[in-house]
Amino acid sequence: MSDIKFSALWAISGIVIGFSAISISYWLLHSTIPGYRFFAGPGIVAANFFSEEMIFGRKLALC
């Protein structure tokens, strides 16, 4: 299998998994997916450093 077909397969499967998770959360659970904070934790922490709501001292320490 060529690299393009392999990467396209992974891209499509990622879209399907993401759409499925959002659909289940929105239409069936009516709340967040159990364990969401655990899996999304690293992304939330990384995004916090670029938020305007972050304490200025922490931003200054990063520089």
N, C-alpha and C. Protein backbone atom coordinates (compact mmCIF):
# COMPACT_ATOMS: atom_id res chain seq x y z
N MET A 1 0.86 -1.17 0.00
CA MET A 1 0.00 0.00 0.00
C MET A 1 0.91 1.24 0.00
N SER A 2 0.60 2.18 -0.83
CA SER A 2 1.42 3.38 -0.91
C SER A 2 1.22 4.26 0.32
N ASP A 3 2.16 5.16 0.52
CA ASP A 3 2.09 6.04 1.68
C ASP A 3 0.85 6.95 1.65
N ILE A 4 0.47 7.39 0.47
CA ILE A 4 -0.70 8.27 0.37
C ILE A 4 -1.97 7.52 0.74
N LYS A 5 -2.11 6.30 0.27
CA LYS A 5 -3.30 5.51 0.61
C LYS A 5 -3.32 5.21 2.11
N PHE A 6 -2.16 4.91 2.67
CA PHE A 6 -2.07 4.61 4.09
C PHE A 6 -2.44 5.81 4.94
N SER A 7 -1.91 6.99 4.59
CA SER A 7 -2.23 8.20 5.36
C SER A 7 -3.68 8.62 5.15
N ALA A 8 -4.22 8.42 3.95
CA ALA A 8 -5.62 8.75 3.70
C ALA A 8 -6.54 7.84 4.53
N LEU A 9 -6.17 6.58 4.66
CA LEU A 9 -6.95 5.65 5.48
C LEU A 9 -6.99 6.10 6.93
N TRP A 10 -5.84 6.51 7.46
CA TRP A 10 -5.79 7.00 8.84
C TRP A 10 -6.55 8.30 9.00
N ALA A 11 -6.47 9.18 8.03
CA ALA A 11 -7.20 10.46 8.09
C ALA A 11 -8.71 10.23 8.11
N ILE A 12 -9.17 9.37 7.24
CA ILE A 12 -10.61 9.08 7.18
C ILE A 12 -11.08 8.38 8.46
N SER A 13 -10.27 7.45 8.97
CA SER A 13 -10.67 6.77 10.20
C SER A 13 -10.69 7.74 11.38
N GLY A 14 -9.79 8.72 11.40
CA GLY A 14 -9.81 9.74 12.45
C GLY A 14 -11.05 10.60 12.39
N ILE A 15 -11.46 10.96 11.17
CA ILE A 15 -12.68 11.74 11.00
C ILE A 15 -13.90 10.94 11.45
N VAL A 16 -13.95 9.67 11.10
CA VAL A 16 -15.08 8.82 11.49
C VAL A 16 -15.13 8.65 13.01
N ILE A 17 -13.98 8.42 13.64
CA ILE A 17 -13.95 8.26 15.09
C ILE A 17 -14.37 9.56 15.78
N GLY A 18 -13.85 10.69 15.30
CA GLY A 18 -14.22 11.98 15.88
C GLY A 18 -15.69 12.28 15.73
N PHE A 19 -16.23 12.07 14.54
CA PHE A 19 -17.66 12.30 14.31
C PHE A 19 -18.51 11.38 15.17
N SER A 20 -18.08 10.13 15.30
CA SER A 20 -18.84 9.19 16.14
C SER A 20 -18.84 9.62 17.60
N ALA A 21 -17.70 10.05 18.10
CA ALA A 21 -17.61 10.48 19.50
C ALA A 21 -18.48 11.70 19.76
N ILE A 22 -18.43 12.66 18.86
CA ILE A 22 -19.24 13.87 19.03
C ILE A 22 -20.72 13.52 18.92
N SER A 23 -21.09 12.65 17.99
CA SER A 23 -22.48 12.26 17.82
C SER A 23 -23.02 11.54 19.05
N ILE A 24 -22.24 10.61 19.57
CA ILE A 24 -22.67 9.88 20.76
C ILE A 24 -22.83 10.84 21.94
N SER A 25 -21.87 11.74 22.09
CA SER A 25 -21.93 12.69 23.19
C SER A 25 -23.14 13.61 23.06
N TYR A 26 -23.42 14.07 21.86
CA TYR A 26 -24.49 15.05 21.67
C TYR A 26 -25.88 14.42 21.70
N TRP A 27 -26.06 13.31 20.99
CA TRP A 27 -27.41 12.75 20.85
C TRP A 27 -27.76 11.70 21.88
N LEU A 28 -26.80 10.97 22.40
CA LEU A 28 -27.13 9.89 23.33
C LEU A 28 -26.85 10.23 24.79
N LEU A 29 -25.70 10.82 25.07
CA LEU A 29 -25.34 11.05 26.46
C LEU A 29 -25.86 12.38 27.01
N HIS A 30 -26.00 13.37 26.18
CA HIS A 30 -26.43 14.71 26.59
C HIS A 30 -25.52 15.32 27.65
N SER A 31 -24.29 14.88 27.67
CA SER A 31 -23.27 15.43 28.57
C SER A 31 -21.91 15.09 27.97
N THR A 32 -20.85 15.35 28.71
CA THR A 32 -19.53 15.03 28.18
C THR A 32 -19.29 13.52 28.22
N ILE A 33 -18.40 13.08 27.38
CA ILE A 33 -18.04 11.67 27.33
C ILE A 33 -17.27 11.32 28.60
N PRO A 34 -17.57 10.20 29.25
CA PRO A 34 -16.81 9.82 30.44
C PRO A 34 -15.33 9.66 30.10
N GLY A 35 -14.49 10.25 30.91
CA GLY A 35 -13.05 10.18 30.68
C GLY A 35 -12.52 11.25 29.74
N TYR A 36 -13.38 12.18 29.32
CA TYR A 36 -12.96 13.21 28.37
C TYR A 36 -11.86 14.07 28.94
N ARG A 37 -11.99 14.49 30.21
CA ARG A 37 -10.99 15.36 30.82
C ARG A 37 -9.63 14.66 30.90
N PHE A 38 -9.63 13.34 31.07
CA PHE A 38 -8.38 12.59 31.15
C PHE A 38 -7.67 12.58 29.80
N PHE A 39 -8.40 12.28 28.74
CA PHE A 39 -7.79 12.20 27.41
C PHE A 39 -7.47 13.56 26.82
N ALA A 40 -8.28 14.56 27.13
CA ALA A 40 -8.06 15.89 26.60
C ALA A 40 -7.19 16.75 27.50
N GLY A 41 -6.80 16.22 28.64
CA GLY A 41 -6.01 16.96 29.62
C GLY A 41 -4.74 17.59 29.07
N PRO A 42 -3.89 16.84 28.38
CA PRO A 42 -2.66 17.44 27.85
C PRO A 42 -2.94 18.59 26.88
N GLY A 43 -3.95 18.46 26.06
CA GLY A 43 -4.30 19.53 25.13
C GLY A 43 -4.85 20.76 25.85
N ILE A 44 -5.63 20.54 26.90
CA ILE A 44 -6.17 21.64 27.68
C ILE A 44 -5.04 22.40 28.38
N VAL A 45 -4.08 21.65 28.94
CA VAL A 45 -2.95 22.29 29.61
C VAL A 45 -2.12 23.09 28.61
N ALA A 46 -1.85 22.51 27.44
CA ALA A 46 -1.06 23.21 26.42
C ALA A 46 -1.77 24.46 25.93
N ALA A 47 -3.07 24.41 25.77
CA ALA A 47 -3.83 25.57 25.29
C ALA A 47 -3.92 26.65 26.36
N ASN A 48 -3.84 26.25 27.63
CA ASN A 48 -3.92 27.22 28.72
C ASN A 48 -2.78 28.23 28.67
N PHE A 49 -1.62 27.82 28.20
CA PHE A 49 -0.47 28.71 28.17
C PHE A 49 -0.66 29.85 27.16
N PHE A 50 -1.56 29.69 26.22
CA PHE A 50 -1.79 30.70 25.20
C PHE A 50 -3.11 31.45 25.42
N SER A 51 -3.74 31.23 26.56
CA SER A 51 -5.00 31.87 26.88
C SER A 51 -4.76 33.25 27.47
N GLU A 52 -5.66 34.17 27.22
CA GLU A 52 -5.55 35.50 27.80
C GLU A 52 -5.91 35.50 29.28
N GLU A 53 -6.57 34.46 29.74
CA GLU A 53 -7.01 34.39 31.12
C GLU A 53 -5.92 33.87 32.06
N MET A 54 -4.79 33.48 31.51
CA MET A 54 -3.71 32.93 32.32
C MET A 54 -3.05 34.04 33.14
N ILE A 55 -2.59 33.68 34.33
CA ILE A 55 -1.92 34.64 35.21
C ILE A 55 -0.63 35.12 34.53
N PHE A 56 -0.39 36.42 34.60
CA PHE A 56 0.74 37.02 33.87
C PHE A 56 2.08 36.45 34.33
N GLY A 57 2.21 36.15 35.63
CA GLY A 57 3.47 35.61 36.15
C GLY A 57 3.84 34.29 35.49
N ARG A 58 2.88 33.45 35.25
CA ARG A 58 3.15 32.17 34.59
C ARG A 58 3.61 32.39 33.15
N LYS A 59 2.97 33.33 32.46
CA LYS A 59 3.38 33.63 31.09
C LYS A 59 4.80 34.18 31.08
N LEU A 60 5.13 35.00 32.04
CA LEU A 60 6.45 35.60 32.13
C LEU A 60 7.50 34.52 32.41
N ALA A 61 7.14 33.53 33.20
CA ALA A 61 8.07 32.44 33.52
C ALA A 61 8.37 31.59 32.29
N LEU A 62 7.46 31.54 31.34
CA LEU A 62 7.69 30.74 30.13
C LEU A 62 8.71 31.37 29.19
N CYS A 63 8.86 32.68 29.26
CA CYS A 63 9.77 33.38 28.34
C CYS A 63 11.22 33.18 28.67
